[in-house]
C-alpha atoms as a PDB file:
ATOM      1  CA  MET A   1     -31.122  -0.464 -78.555  1.00  0.00           C
ATOM      2  CA  SER A   2     -28.624   2.345 -78.126  1.00  0.00           C
ATOM      3  CA  ALA A   3     -25.971   2.315 -75.427  1.00  0.00           C
ATOM      4  CA  ASN A   4     -27.614   5.257 -73.694  1.00  0.00           C
ATOM      5  CA  LYS A   5     -30.966   3.482 -73.399  1.00  0.00           C
ATOM      6  CA  LEU A   6     -29.268   0.286 -72.144  1.00  0.00           C
ATOM      7  CA  PHE A   7     -27.470   2.183 -69.339  1.00  0.00           C
ATOM      8  CA  LYS A   8     -30.678   3.851 -68.228  1.00  0.00           C
ATOM      9  CA  SER A   9     -32.522   0.525 -68.030  1.00  0.00           C
ATOM     10  CA  MET A  10     -29.746  -1.241 -66.014  1.00  0.00           C
ATOM     11  CA  ALA A  11     -29.136   1.571 -63.429  1.00  0.00           C
ATOM     12  CA  PRO A  12     -32.089   0.741 -61.136  1.00  0.00           C
ATOM     13  CA  ILE A  13     -31.115  -2.951 -61.049  1.00  0.00           C
ATOM     14  CA  ALA A  14     -27.472  -2.172 -60.071  1.00  0.00           C
ATOM     15  CA  LEU A  15     -28.590   0.180 -57.311  1.00  0.00           C
ATOM     16  CA  SER A  16     -30.877  -2.473 -55.802  1.00  0.00           C
ATOM     17  CA  VAL A  17     -28.103  -5.093 -55.801  1.00  0.00           C
ATOM     18  CA  ALA A  18     -25.667  -2.687 -54.041  1.00  0.00           C
ATOM     19  CA  VAL A  19     -28.183  -1.902 -51.279  1.00  0.00           C
ATOM     20  CA  ALA A  20     -28.868  -5.608 -50.700  1.00  0.00           C
ATOM     21  CA  PHE A  21     -25.145  -6.394 -50.305  1.00  0.00           C
ATOM     22  CA  ALA A  22     -24.708  -3.532 -47.818  1.00  0.00           C
ATOM     23  CA  MET A  23     -27.575  -4.727 -45.606  1.00  0.00           C
ATOM     24  CA  SER A  24     -26.280  -8.313 -45.646  1.00  0.00           C
ATOM     25  CA  ALA A  25     -22.828  -7.185 -44.516  1.00  0.00           C
ATOM     26  CA  CYS A  26     -24.303  -5.262 -41.587  1.00  0.00           C
ATOM     27  CA  LYS A  27     -26.235  -8.327 -40.383  1.00  0.00           C
ATOM     28  CA  LYS A  28     -23.253 -10.757 -40.584  1.00  0.00           C
ATOM     29  CA  GLU A  29     -20.632  -8.523 -38.838  1.00  0.00           C
ATOM     30  CA  PRO A  30     -19.955 -10.000 -35.345  1.00  0.00           C
ATOM     31  CA  ALA A  31     -20.318  -7.695 -32.349  1.00  0.00           C
ATOM     32  CA  THR A  32     -17.064  -6.864 -30.557  1.00  0.00           C
ATOM     33  CA  PRO A  33     -17.401  -7.371 -26.782  1.00  0.00           C
ATOM     34  CA  ALA A  34     -16.738  -4.204 -24.819  1.00  0.00           C
ATOM     35  CA  ALA A  35     -13.825  -4.332 -22.465  1.00  0.00           C
ATOM     36  CA  GLY A  36     -14.851  -3.391 -18.962  1.00  0.00           C
ATOM     37  CA  PRO A  37     -14.619  -4.316 -15.339  1.00  0.00           C
ATOM     38  CA  GLN A  38     -16.690  -7.478 -15.775  1.00  0.00           C
ATOM     39  CA  ALA A  39     -14.334  -8.850 -18.434  1.00  0.00           C
ATOM     40  CA  ALA A  40     -11.181  -7.928 -16.564  1.00  0.00           C
ATOM     41  CA  GLY A  41     -12.439  -8.881 -13.133  1.00  0.00           C
ATOM     42  CA  PRO A  42     -11.762 -12.671 -13.094  1.00  0.00           C
ATOM     43  CA  ALA A  43      -8.327 -12.278 -14.644  1.00  0.00           C
ATOM     44  CA  ALA A  44      -7.364  -9.595 -12.187  1.00  0.00           C
ATOM     45  CA  ALA A  45      -8.632 -11.646  -9.277  1.00  0.00           C
ATOM     46  CA  SER A  46      -6.698 -14.714 -10.394  1.00  0.00           C
ATOM     47  CA  THR A  47      -3.410 -12.751 -10.500  1.00  0.00           C
ATOM     48  CA  THR A  48      -3.827 -11.097  -7.098  1.00  0.00           C
ATOM     49  CA  ALA A  49      -1.138 -12.479  -4.814  1.00  0.00           C
ATOM     50  CA  ALA A  50      -2.056 -13.705  -1.362  1.00  0.00           C
ATOM     51  CA  PRO A  51      -0.690 -11.490   1.445  1.00  0.00           C
ATOM     52  CA  ALA A  52       2.650 -12.610   2.816  1.00  0.00           C
ATOM     53  CA  PRO A  53       2.586 -14.082   6.355  1.00  0.00           C
ATOM     54  CA  VAL A  54       3.726 -11.804   9.161  1.00  0.00           C
ATOM     55  CA  VAL A  55       6.276 -14.388  10.367  1.00  0.00           C
ATOM     56  CA  SER A  56       8.178 -16.190   7.615  1.00  0.00           C
ATOM     57  CA  ALA A  57       7.714 -19.939   7.199  1.00  0.00           C
ATOM     58  CA  ALA A  58      11.383 -20.638   7.945  1.00  0.00           C
ATOM     59  CA  VAL A  59      11.144 -18.823  11.282  1.00  0.00           C
ATOM     60  CA  SER A  60       7.890 -20.576  12.212  1.00  0.00           C
ATOM     61  CA  GLN A  61       9.530 -24.000  11.736  1.00  0.00           C
ATOM     62  CA  MET A  62      12.282 -23.302  14.333  1.00  0.00           C
ATOM     63  CA  ASN A  63      11.924 -24.727  17.845  1.00  0.00           C
ATOM     64  CA  ALA A  64      11.736 -22.627  21.008  1.00  0.00           C
ATOM     65  CA  ASP A  65      15.443 -22.827  21.900  1.00  0.00           C
ATOM     66  CA  GLN A  66      16.501 -21.932  18.374  1.00  0.00           C
ATOM     67  CA  LEU A  67      14.090 -18.984  18.325  1.00  0.00           C
ATOM     68  CA  ARG A  68      15.321 -17.691  21.695  1.00  0.00           C
ATOM     69  CA  ASP A  69      18.993 -17.836  20.656  1.00  0.00           C
ATOM     70  CA  ALA A  70      18.292 -16.295  17.236  1.00  0.00           C
ATOM     71  CA  ALA A  71      16.205 -13.509  18.799  1.00  0.00           C
ATOM     72  CA  ARG A  72      18.942 -12.567  21.271  1.00  0.00           C
ATOM     73  CA  LYS A  73      21.599 -12.502  18.545  1.00  0.00           C
ATOM     74  CA  ALA A  74      19.387 -10.400  16.258  1.00  0.00           C
ATOM     75  CA  TYR A  75      18.698  -7.999  19.146  1.00  0.00           C
ATOM     76  CA  ASP A  76      22.420  -7.682  19.935  1.00  0.00           C
ATOM     77  CA  ASP A  77      23.187  -7.117  16.215  1.00  0.00           C
ATOM     78  CA  ASN A  78      20.463  -4.399  15.970  1.00  0.00           C
ATOM     79  CA  ARG A  79      18.433  -6.469  13.491  1.00  0.00           C
ATOM     80  CA  LEU A  80      15.324  -5.340  15.331  1.00  0.00           C
ATOM     81  CA  TYR A  81      12.630  -5.511  12.626  1.00  0.00           C
ATOM     82  CA  ALA A  82      14.529  -6.133   9.363  1.00  0.00           C
ATOM     83  CA  PRO A  83      15.554  -7.878   7.148  1.00  0.00           C
ATOM     84  CA  VAL A  84      12.563 -10.066   6.429  1.00  0.00           C
ATOM     85  CA  GLY A  85      12.844 -13.487   8.056  1.00  0.00           C
ATOM     86  CA  ASN A  86      15.930 -12.596  10.111  1.00  0.00           C
ATOM     87  CA  ASN A  87      14.948 -10.014  12.711  1.00  0.00           C
ATOM     88  CA  ALA A  88      14.243  -9.960  16.446  1.00  0.00           C
ATOM     89  CA  MET A  89      10.508  -9.191  16.138  1.00  0.00           C
ATOM     90  CA  GLU A  90       9.748 -12.229  13.962  1.00  0.00           C
ATOM     91  CA  TYR A  91      11.781 -14.527  16.229  1.00  0.00           C
ATOM     92  CA  TYR A  92      10.062 -13.277  19.395  1.00  0.00           C
ATOM     93  CA  LEU A  93       6.602 -13.458  17.769  1.00  0.00           C
ATOM     94  CA  ALA A  94       7.213 -17.068  16.743  1.00  0.00           C
ATOM     95  CA  LEU A  95       8.552 -17.875  20.231  1.00  0.00           C
ATOM     96  CA  ARG A  96       5.450 -16.380  21.836  1.00  0.00           C
ATOM     97  CA  ASP A  97       3.240 -18.467  19.513  1.00  0.00           C
ATOM     98  CA  LYS A  98       5.025 -21.646  20.623  1.00  0.00           C
ATOM     99  CA  GLN A  99       5.235 -20.649  24.312  1.00  0.00           C
ATOM    100  CA  PRO A 100       2.481 -18.085  25.107  1.00  0.00           C
ATOM    101  CA  GLY A 101       3.620 -17.784  28.707  1.00  0.00           C
ATOM    102  CA  ASP A 102       7.226 -16.846  27.883  1.00  0.00           C
ATOM    103  CA  ALA A 103       7.791 -13.578  29.755  1.00  0.00           C
ATOM    104  CA  SER A 104      11.042 -12.762  27.954  1.00  0.00           C
ATOM    105  CA  ALA A 105       9.335 -12.776  24.541  1.00  0.00           C
ATOM    106  CA  SER A 106       6.496 -10.521  25.725  1.00  0.00           C
ATOM    107  CA  SER A 107       8.914  -8.097  27.385  1.00  0.00           C
ATOM    108  CA  ALA A 108      11.170  -7.915  24.334  1.00  0.00           C
ATOM    109  CA  LEU A 109       8.202  -7.276  22.023  1.00  0.00           C
ATOM    110  CA  ASN A 110       7.043  -4.422  24.261  1.00  0.00           C
ATOM    111  CA  ASP A 111      10.524  -2.887  23.933  1.00  0.00           C
ATOM    112  CA  LEU A 112      10.572  -3.340  20.138  1.00  0.00           C
ATOM    113  CA  LEU A 113       7.097  -1.930  19.412  1.00  0.00           C
ATOM    114  CA  PRO A 114       8.018   1.801  19.657  1.00  0.00           C
ATOM    115  CA  MET A 115      10.883   1.340  17.195  1.00  0.00           C
ATOM    116  CA  ALA A 116       8.627  -0.583  14.780  1.00  0.00           C
ATOM    117  CA  VAL A 117       6.097   2.271  14.895  1.00  0.00           C
ATOM    118  CA  ILE A 118       8.839   4.802  14.071  1.00  0.00           C
ATOM    119  CA  ALA A 119      10.081   2.636  11.184  1.00  0.00           C
ATOM    120  CA  THR A 120       6.508   2.346   9.823  1.00  0.00           C
ATOM    121  CA  GLU A 121       6.070   6.118   9.881  1.00  0.00           C
ATOM    122  CA  GLN A 122       9.381   6.533   8.061  1.00  0.00           C
ATOM    123  CA  GLY A 123       8.277   4.031   5.397  1.00  0.00           C
ATOM    124  CA  ILE A 124       5.038   5.986   4.857  1.00  0.00           C
ATOM    125  CA  SER A 125       6.860   9.310   4.608  1.00  0.00           C
ATOM    126  CA  ARG A 126       9.208   8.015   1.914  1.00  0.00           C
ATOM    127  CA  GLY A 127       6.392   6.258   0.009  1.00  0.00           C
ATOM    128  CA  ASP A 128       7.628   2.721   0.773  1.00  0.00           C
ATOM    129  CA  PHE A 129       4.156   1.299   1.410  1.00  0.00           C
ATOM    130  CA  ASP A 130       5.077  -2.385   1.010  1.00  0.00           C
ATOM    131  CA  GLU A 131       7.591  -2.091   3.857  1.00  0.00           C
ATOM    132  CA  ALA A 132       5.138  -0.028   5.907  1.00  0.00           C
ATOM    133  CA  LYS A 133       2.470  -2.752   5.507  1.00  0.00           C
ATOM    134  CA  ARG A 134       4.945  -5.453   6.566  1.00  0.00           C
ATOM    135  CA  LEU A 135       5.886  -3.533   9.694  1.00  0.00           C
ATOM    136  CA  LEU A 136       2.205  -2.814  10.393  1.00  0.00           C
ATOM    137  CA  GLY A 137       1.589  -6.568  10.304  1.00  0.00           C
ATOM    138  CA  LEU A 138       4.361  -7.138  12.868  1.00  0.00           C
ATOM    139  CA  ILE A 139       2.888  -4.463  15.148  1.00  0.00           C
ATOM    140  CA  GLY A 140      -0.621  -5.888  14.813  1.00  0.00           C
ATOM    141  CA  LYS A 141       0.539  -9.404  15.648  1.00  0.00           C
ATOM    142  CA  ALA A 142       2.586  -8.211  18.619  1.00  0.00           C
ATOM    143  CA  ASP A 143      -0.285  -6.102  20.014  1.00  0.00           C
ATOM    144  CA  PRO A 144      -3.660  -6.247  18.210  1.00  0.00           C
ATOM    145  CA  ASN A 145      -4.912  -3.355  20.374  1.00  0.00           C
ATOM    146  CA  HIS A 146      -1.930  -1.059  19.844  1.00  0.00           C
ATOM    147  CA  PRO A 147      -3.176   2.573  19.746  1.00  0.00           C
ATOM    148  CA  ALA A 148      -1.123   3.420  16.631  1.00  0.00           C
ATOM    149  CA  LEU A 149      -2.588   0.686  14.390  1.00  0.00           C
ATOM    150  CA  ASP A 150      -5.622   2.602  13.069  1.00  0.00           C
ATOM    151  CA  ARG A 151      -3.626   5.776  12.513  1.00  0.00           C
ATOM    152  CA  LEU A 152      -0.863   3.982  10.609  1.00  0.00           C
ATOM    153  CA  LYS A 153      -3.338   1.985   8.522  1.00  0.00           C
ATOM    154  CA  THR A 154      -5.174   5.171   7.542  1.00  0.00           C
ATOM    155  CA  SER A 155      -1.910   6.906   6.651  1.00  0.00           C
ATOM    156  CA  ILE A 156      -0.866   3.983   4.430  1.00  0.00           C
ATOM    157  CA  GLY A 157      -4.224   4.023   2.632  1.00  0.00           C
ATOM    158  CA  LYS A 158      -4.076   7.753   1.986  1.00  0.00           C
ATOM    159  CA  GLY A 159      -0.462   7.540   0.886  1.00  0.00           C
ATOM    160  CA  GLU A 160      -1.173   4.727  -1.573  1.00  0.00           C
ATOM    161  CA  ALA A 161      -4.158   6.575  -3.049  1.00  0.00           C
ATOM    162  CA  LEU A 162      -2.051   9.693  -3.517  1.00  0.00           C
ATOM    163  CA  ALA A 163       0.778   7.663  -5.069  1.00  0.00           C
ATOM    164  CA  VAL A 164      -1.638   6.058  -7.569  1.00  0.00           C
ATOM    165  CA  GLN A 165      -2.991   9.481  -8.492  1.00  0.00           C
ATOM    166  CA  GLN A 166       0.502  10.890  -8.945  1.00  0.00           C
ATOM    167  CA  ALA A 167       1.575   7.870 -11.004  1.00  0.00           C
ATOM    168  CA  GLN A 168      -1.419   8.327 -13.311  1.00  0.00           C
ATOM    169  CA  GLN A 169      -0.601  11.993 -13.727  1.00  0.00           C
ATOM    170  CA  GLN A 170       3.085  11.413 -14.352  1.00  0.00           C
ATOM    171  CA  GLN A 171       2.657   8.279 -16.508  1.00  0.00           C
ATOM    172  CA  LEU A 172       5.911   6.777 -15.254  1.00  0.00           C
ATOM    173  CA  THR A 173       7.791   4.516 -17.639  1.00  0.00           C
ATOM    174  CA  ALA A 174       9.053   1.096 -16.537  1.00  0.00           C
ATOM    175  CA  GLU A 175      12.589   2.450 -16.260  1.00  0.00           C
ATOM    176  CA  GLN A 176      11.480   5.375 -14.109  1.00  0.00           C
ATOM    177  CA  GLU A 177       9.485   3.055 -11.845  1.00  0.00           C
ATOM    178  CA  ALA A 178      12.529   0.782 -11.416  1.00  0.00           C
ATOM    179  CA  LYS A 179      14.643   3.778 -10.432  1.00  0.00           C
ATOM    180  CA  ARG A 180      11.963   4.882  -7.971  1.00  0.00           C
ATOM    181  CA  GLN A 181      11.949   1.439  -6.338  1.00  0.00           C
ATOM    182  CA  GLU A 182      15.767   1.513  -6.074  1.00  0.00           C
ATOM    183  CA  GLU A 183      15.579   4.929  -4.407  1.00  0.00           C
ATOM    184  CA  LEU A 184      12.954   3.637  -1.973  1.00  0.00           C
ATOM    185  CA  ALA A 185      15.173   0.686  -1.037  1.00  0.00           C
ATOM    186  CA  ARG A 186      18.138   3.008  -0.517  1.00  0.00           C
ATOM    187  CA  LYS A 187      16.166   5.391   1.713  1.00  0.00           C
ATOM    188  CA  ARG A 188      14.734   2.431   3.640  1.00  0.00           C
ATOM    189  CA  GLU A 189      18.236   1.164   4.393  1.00  0.00           C
ATOM    190  CA  GLU A 190      19.426   4.658   5.371  1.00  0.00           C
ATOM    191  CA  ASP A 191      16.508   5.134   7.781  1.00  0.00           C
ATOM    192  CA  GLN A 192      17.139   1.753   9.383  1.00  0.00           C
ATOM    193  CA  LYS A 193      20.862   2.501   9.783  1.00  0.00           C
ATOM    194  CA  LYS A 194      20.079   5.873  11.382  1.00  0.00           C
ATOM    195  CA  LEU A 195      17.676   4.310  13.874  1.00  0.00           C
ATOM    196  CA  GLN A 196      20.108   1.505  14.704  1.00  0.00           C
ATOM    197  CA  GLU A 197      22.949   4.029  15.134  1.00  0.00           C
ATOM    198  CA  GLN A 198      20.820   5.997  17.581  1.00  0.00           C
ATOM    199  CA  GLN A 199      20.136   2.794  19.530  1.00  0.00           C
ATOM    200  CA  ARG A 200      23.852   1.933  19.531  1.00  0.00           C
ATOM    201  CA  GLN A 201      24.840   5.377  20.808  1.00  0.00           C
ATOM    202  CA  LEU A 202      22.206   5.174  23.528  1.00  0.00           C
ATOM    203  CA  ALA A 203      23.499   1.735  24.573  1.00  0.00           C
ATOM    204  CA  GLU A 204      27.082   3.059  24.708  1.00  0.00           C
ATOM    205  CA  GLN A 205      26.017   6.009  26.863  1.00  0.00           C
ATOM    206  CA  GLN A 206      24.195   3.690  29.237  1.00  0.00           C
ATOM    207  CA  ALA A 207      27.243   1.390  29.386  1.00  0.00           C
ATOM    208  CA  GLN A 208      29.525   4.317  30.206  1.00  0.00           C
ATOM    209  CA  GLN A 209      27.180   5.518  32.916  1.00  0.00           C
ATOM    210  CA  ALA A 210      26.995   2.022  34.419  1.00  0.00           C
ATOM    211  CA  GLN A 211      30.785   1.719  34.343  1.00  0.00           C
ATOM    212  CA  GLN A 212      31.192   5.093  36.022  1.00  0.00           C
ATOM    213  CA  GLN A 213      28.695   4.120  38.716  1.00  0.00           C
ATOM    214  CA  ALA A 214      30.510   0.842  39.296  1.00  0.00           C
ATOM    215  CA  GLN A 215      33.847   2.662  39.590  1.00  0.00           C
ATOM    216  CA  GLN A 216      32.361   5.154  42.041  1.00  0.00           C
ATOM    217  CA  GLN A 217      30.951   2.332  44.153  1.00  0.00           C
ATOM    218  CA  ALA A 218      34.329   0.562  44.150  1.00  0.00           C
ATOM    219  CA  GLN A 219      36.074   3.788  45.165  1.00  0.00           C
ATOM    220  CA  GLN A 220      33.568   4.400  47.945  1.00  0.00           C
ATOM    221  CA  GLN A 221      34.003   0.860  49.249  1.00  0.00           C
ATOM    222  CA  ALA A 222      37.797   1.193  49.124  1.00  0.00           C
ATOM    223  CA  ALA A 223      37.619   4.529  50.955  1.00  0.00           C
ATOM    224  CA  GLU A 224      35.361   3.009  53.613  1.00  0.00           C
ATOM    225  CA  GLU A 225      37.740   0.091  54.095  1.00  0.00           C
ATOM    226  CA  GLU A 226      40.651   2.507  54.381  1.00  0.00           C
ATOM    227  CA  ARG A 227      38.760   4.560  56.964  1.00  0.00           C
ATOM    228  CA  ARG A 228      38.049   1.468  59.043  1.00  0.00           C
ATOM    229  CA  ARG A 229      41.659   0.355  58.792  1.00  0.00           C
ATOM    230  CA  ALA A 230      42.909   3.772  59.910  1.00  0.00           C
ATOM    231  CA  ALA A 231      40.467   3.790  62.856  1.00  0.00           C
ATOM    232  CA  ALA A 232      41.671   0.342  63.926  1.00  0.00           C
ATOM    233  CA  GLN A 233      45.295   1.428  63.711  1.00  0.00           C
ATOM    234  CA  ALA A 234      44.576   4.578  65.719  1.00  0.00           C
ATOM    235  CA  ALA A 235      42.813   2.550  68.415  1.00  0.00           C
ATOM    236  CA  ALA A 236      45.740   0.128  68.578  1.00  0.00           C
ATOM    237  CA  ALA A 237      48.237   2.999  68.859  1.00  0.00           C
ATOM    238  CA  GLN A 238      46.200   4.605  71.629  1.00  0.00           C
ATOM    239  CA  ALA A 239      46.052   1.349  73.553  1.00  0.00           C
ATOM    240  CA  ALA A 240      49.811   0.893  73.183  1.00  0.00           C
ATOM    241  CA  ALA A 241      50.465   4.410  74.452  1.00  0.00           C
ATOM    242  CA  ALA A 242      48.464   3.862  77.695  1.00  0.00           C
ATOM    243  CA  PRO A 243      50.617   3.692  80.905  1.00  0.00           C
ATOM    244  CA  ALA A 244      51.583   0.199  81.990  1.00  0.00           C
ATOM    245  CA  PRO A 245      50.257  -1.057  85.396  1.00  0.00           C
ATOM    246  CA  ALA A 246      52.659  -1.289  88.329  1.00  0.00           C
ATOM    247  CA  ALA A 247      52.203  -4.999  88.724  1.00  0.00           C
ATOM    248  CA  PRO A 248      54.366  -7.129  86.510  1.00  0.00           C
ATOM    249  CA  ARG A 249      52.676  -8.390  83.415  1.00  0.00           C
ATOM    250  CA  PRO A 250      53.032 -11.866  82.032  1.00  0.00           C
ATOM    251  CA  ALA A 251      55.032 -12.332  78.956  1.00  0.00           C
ATOM    252  CA  ALA A 252      53.113 -11.231  75.871  1.00  0.00           C
ATOM    253  CA  ALA A 253      51.987 -13.864  73.449  1.00  0.00           C
ATOM    254  CA  PRO A 254      53.806 -13.909  70.132  1.00  0.00           C
ATOM    255  CA  ALA A 255      52.237 -11.437  67.681  1.00  0.00           C
ATOM    256  CA  PRO A 256      50.477 -12.882  64.660  1.00  0.00           C
ATOM    257  CA  ARG A 257      52.250 -12.909  61.364  1.00  0.00           C
ATOM    258  CA  PRO A 258      51.944  -9.519  59.609  1.00  0.00           C
ATOM    259  CA  THR A 259      51.167 -11.257  56.350  1.00  0.00           C
ATOM    260  CA  ALA A 260      47.749 -12.535  57.482  1.00  0.00           C
ATOM    261  CA  SER A 261      44.571 -11.007  58.885  1.00  0.00           C
ATOM    262  CA  SER A 262      41.581 -12.577  60.654  1.00  0.00           C
ATOM    263  CA  SER A 263      39.042 -10.267  58.880  1.00  0.00           C
ATOM    264  CA  LEU A 264      38.357  -9.942  55.163  1.00  0.00           C
ATOM    265  CA  GLN A 265      39.808  -6.742  53.740  1.00  0.00           C
ATOM    266  CA  VAL A 266      39.419  -5.947  50.054  1.00  0.00           C
ATOM    267  CA  VAL A 267      42.556  -5.307  48.044  1.00  0.00           C
ATOM    268  CA  SER A 268      40.915  -5.061  44.616  1.00  0.00           C
ATOM    269  CA  GLN A 269      37.241  -5.421  43.721  1.00  0.00           C
ATOM    270  CA  ALA A 270      36.587  -5.619  39.984  1.00  0.00           C
ATOM    271  CA  ALA A 271      33.317  -4.002  38.883  1.00  0.00           C
ATOM    272  CA  PRO A 272      30.891  -6.331  37.085  1.00  0.00           C
ATOM    273  CA  ARG A 273      30.245  -5.848  33.379  1.00  0.00           C
ATOM    274  CA  PHE A 274      26.672  -4.713  32.633  1.00  0.00           C
ATOM    275  CA  PRO A 275      24.994  -7.152  30.167  1.00  0.00           C
ATOM    276  CA  PRO A 276      24.456  -5.237  26.855  1.00  0.00           C
ATOM    277  CA  ALA A 277      20.961  -6.618  26.182  1.00  0.00           C
ATOM    278  CA  ALA A 278      19.770  -5.775  29.695  1.00  0.00           C
ATOM    279  CA  GLN A 279      21.303  -2.327  29.440  1.00  0.00           C
ATOM    280  CA  ARG A 280      19.477  -1.578  26.191  1.00  0.00           C
ATOM    281  CA  ALA A 281      16.229  -2.656  27.808  1.00  0.00           C
ATOM    282  CA  GLY A 282      16.908  -0.513  30.894  1.00  0.00           C
ATOM    283  CA  ALA A 283      16.862  -3.540  33.222  1.00  0.00           C
ATOM    284  CA  THR A 284      18.468  -3.332  36.692  1.00  0.00           C
ATOM    285  CA  GLY A 285      18.761  -5.583  39.737  1.00  0.00           C
ATOM    286  CA  SER A 286      21.120  -7.292  42.160  1.00  0.00           C
ATOM    287  CA  VAL A 287      22.726 -10.727  42.572  1.00  0.00           C
ATOM    288  CA  GLN A 288      23.918 -12.300  45.848  1.00  0.00           C
ATOM    289  CA  VAL A 289      27.090 -14.378  45.483  1.00  0.00           C
ATOM    290  CA  GLU A 290      28.663 -16.760  48.001  1.00  0.00           C
ATOM    291  CA  PHE A 291      32.399 -17.434  47.659  1.00  0.00           C
ATOM    292  CA  THR A 292      35.386 -18.744  49.579  1.00  0.00           C
ATOM    293  CA  VAL A 293      38.507 -16.628  50.163  1.00  0.00           C
ATOM    294  CA  GLY A 294      41.719 -18.634  50.414  1.00  0.00           C
ATOM    295  CA  THR A 295      44.577 -17.883  52.814  1.00  0.00           C
ATOM    296  CA  ASP A 296      46.386 -16.031  50.012  1.00  0.00           C
ATOM    297  CA  GLY A 297      43.391 -13.691  49.553  1.00  0.00           C
ATOM    298  CA  SER A 298      42.165 -15.144  46.231  1.00  0.00           C
ATOM    299  CA  VAL A 299      38.612 -16.315  45.557  1.00  0.00           C
ATOM    300  CA  THR A 300      38.704 -20.082  45.180  1.00  0.00           C
ATOM    301  CA  SER A 301      35.031 -20.758  44.478  1.00  0.00           C
ATOM    302  CA  ALA A 302      31.838 -18.809  43.849  1.00  0.00           C
ATOM    303  CA  ARG A 303      28.183 -19.617  43.399  1.00  0.00           C
ATOM    304  CA  ILE A 304      24.866 -17.764  43.025  1.00  0.00           C
ATOM    305  CA  VAL A 305      22.742 -17.626  46.178  1.00  0.00           C
ATOM    306  CA  SER A 306      19.861 -15.499  44.888  1.00  0.00           C
ATOM    307  CA  SER A 307      19.110 -12.824  42.296  1.00  0.00           C
ATOM    308  CA  ASP A 308      16.613 -10.012  42.063  1.00  0.00           C
ATOM    309  CA  VAL A 309      16.670  -9.225  38.336  1.00  0.00           C
ATOM    310  CA  PRO A 310      14.213  -9.468  35.388  1.00  0.00           C
ATOM    311  CA  ARG A 311      13.673 -13.095  34.477  1.00  0.00           C
ATOM    312  CA  GLN A 312      14.694 -12.776  30.823  1.00  0.00           C
ATOM    313  CA  PHE A 313      18.104 -11.346  31.802  1.00  0.00           C
ATOM    314  CA  ALA A 314      18.768 -13.494  34.898  1.00  0.00           C
ATOM    315  CA  ARG A 315      21.339 -15.716  33.218  1.00  0.00           C
ATOM    316  CA  ASP A 316      23.279 -12.683  31.880  1.00  0.00           C
ATOM    317  CA  PHE A 317      23.319 -10.868  35.249  1.00  0.00           C
ATOM    318  CA  GLU A 318      24.369 -14.004  37.163  1.00  0.00           C
ATOM    319  CA  ARG A 319      27.151 -14.783  34.705  1.00  0.00           C
ATOM    320  CA  GLU A 320      28.643 -11.292  35.008  1.00  0.00           C
ATOM    321  CA  ALA A 321      28.306 -11.328  38.825  1.00  0.00           C
ATOM    322  CA  LEU A 322      30.237 -14.633  39.116  1.00  0.00           C
ATOM    323  CA  SER A 323      32.889 -13.397  36.684  1.00  0.00           C
ATOM    324  CA  ALA A 324      33.438 -10.250  38.748  1.00  0.00           C
ATOM    325  CA  ALA A 325      33.561 -12.089  42.111  1.00  0.00           C
ATOM    326  CA  LYS A 326      36.192 -14.523  40.866  1.00  0.00           C
ATOM    327  CA  ARG A 327      38.484 -11.575  40.039  1.00  0.00           C
ATOM    328  CA  TRP A 328      38.271 -10.046  43.543  1.00  0.00           C
ATOM    329  CA  ARG A 329      41.359 -10.104  45.811  1.00  0.00           C
ATOM    330  CA  PHE A 330      41.574  -9.777  49.608  1.00  0.00           C
ATOM    331  CA  GLN A 331      44.402  -9.454  52.101  1.00  0.00           C
ATOM    332  CA  PRO A 332      45.871 -12.804  53.202  1.00  0.00           C
ATOM    333  CA  ILE A 333      44.053 -14.455  56.124  1.00  0.00           C
ATOM    334  CA  ASP A 334      44.824 -17.183  58.674  1.00  0.00           C
ATOM    335  CA  GLN A 335      42.311 -19.677  57.300  1.00  0.00           C
ATOM    336  CA  ALA A 336      39.944 -19.936  54.358  1.00  0.00           C
ATOM    337  CA  THR A 337      36.675 -18.075  54.921  1.00  0.00           C
ATOM    338  CA  THR A 338      33.316 -18.335  53.158  1.00  0.00           C
ATOM    339  CA  THR A 339      31.259 -15.149  52.843  1.00  0.00           C
ATOM    340  CA  ARG A 340      28.436 -13.590  50.828  1.00  0.00           C
ATOM    341  CA  ARG A 341      28.297 -10.307  48.952  1.00  0.00           C
ATOM    342  CA  THR A 342      25.515  -8.570  46.988  1.00  0.00           C
ATOM    343  CA  ILE A 343      26.453  -7.179  43.569  1.00  0.00           C
ATOM    344  CA  SER A 344      24.193  -4.416  42.257  1.00  0.00           C
ATOM    345  CA  PHE A 345      23.486  -3.579  38.577  1.00  0.00           C
ATOM    346  CA  ASN A 346      22.035  -0.065  38.389  1.00  0.00           C
END
C-alpha cells in the first residue's frame, strides 16, 4: 500500500479521535463561581464594625462626683464636645444617666446643644462625616426630639453618597486618601479652635461688663455714703450755729472719740468676682451675707444667709460673695456689730 493511500485511510480515524477528546475536556472543566453580592455578602457583614457608643466606656465607669468635677473642668477648658472621651458633653450625659434628676447636668446640656449643632454642620461641610456622626449621636442622646436631628442626618447621608460618587470618579489612591484624611483632621481642629475662641472672647466680654457694673455699683454706693455723711455734717453745723438759750446750760458731756463711729460706714467695698462658668451660661442672681464688723472696721466673720441663684452655680456664687465680703472695710466703731448685706451678680 502506498503512503498516499495509507494517509487517506487514517484521516477519518484521527479526526474522530480529536473530536472525542475535545468533548471530554468540555465536560470535565469545573464551572467557576461568579463573584457577586451573594458571595461577598457574608464576608462583608462579618467585617462591619459595630457603631461606637455615644459615651465612651471609660467615662461611663466614673461615679457621679468624678463626672461632675470632670465636666466642670472640661467646660472651663473649652473642651465642650471634643476630644472623644474627654469632653463636657460626654461627662454630663453620663452624669444624667446616673442621676436623671440632676438639674445641673440638664442645664449644661441645653447650653452645649447649640454649639454641638454648629460643629456637626461644620463637619458635614468639610466632608468629615465620621466626626459629624459622632456629634449627631451626642445631640440625639442629649435630646432625642431635637429639631435639628432629621436635617443633620439627611445632610450626612447626602454628603456621604456624594463623597462615594466622587471617590469612584476620582479613583483615589491609598496615599491620596491618607492625605485627605489628614486634611480633614486639620480642618476639624481649626474649626473647633475657632468656635472655642469665639466662646472665650464672649466670656471675656461678659466678664468685663460684669466688672464694670460692679465698679459702677461700688461708686454709686460710695457716692451715696458720701452724700449722707455730708448731710449729717451740715445738720450738725447748723445745730451748732443756733443761738444758745439764756438759761445756763449744764456742762456738755465729753465728745466721743473721733476715731470711732456708732454707724457702719463703708471705707472700701471690693466687688465680687463673677464665676466664669456662670458667666458663660448667662446665669445671674444674688447672695445675702451676714458678717461681723470689728471695732477696727474689719470683717471678722462671714456666712451665707440665703442665695437666689441657679442651683448648679450656687456654690460658685456663694464662694465669691464670701470672698468679697471678707475684703470689705468700714470706719472704726465703738463695738463690734453684726449686719447683713445682699450681693448681686448681674
